Amino acid sequence: MKITLSKAVALCGCLFLTTSVYSATLVTKLFVGKFPASPVVNTVSHRLYTVNQVDGTVSVVDTTSYTVVDTIPVTADVGWEDINPVTNLLYVTSGYPSGTVYVINGATDTIVTTIPVGNGTTGVAVNPNTNRVYVCNYLDNSVSVIDGSTNTVIDTISEYAPNLKDIIIEKMVVTPLDL
């Protein structure tokens, strides 16, 4: 019987995969890199990605076999990530204090390009409908808007928003109108 993965929680170097956001039914636990954070699932490709903040890597998990299938080296100051399931591109923030976004091809698990953004990247959110990527630059108190089709910054929103870091990390806001 195939179990549908609903939730991944990163804790103490281990990913805990469960069948429900509301239950504690454990599917499996996987050991990945040091200090995993921000796990995201691409339901189209059946891959889960988690940044390992101490190792500076991204672990790739096959959600049909629940095995780690790849580890992508990024940088020592890797932060947060989100994925566009339509384009199968993963966006990984890095940079404290200066900021960079790594774009990773989910089909090949390779870095496609890097995009310079603002200082102190602390969160990222992808809107797959518009193919826009929003990166919180905490030290600049701004949001970089990336066009996912060209992987370039097309706008920087720099209005004051005192809780910007928390909003982006929790992925509650994915459009500039809500900022």
Foldseek 3Di string as FASTA:
>chain_A
DFQDWDDWDDDQQKIFTARDPPDPHTPDIDGDAACWDAWDALPVQQWIWTAHQQQQWIWIARNRVRHTDDIGHHDNFKAYWDAQNVQQWIWIWGAAFWIKIFIARNVVRYTPDIEGDGTCWHAWDADNVQQWIWTQNPVQQWIFIARNVVRYGPDIGRDHDPCVNVCRHVVVDDDPVVD
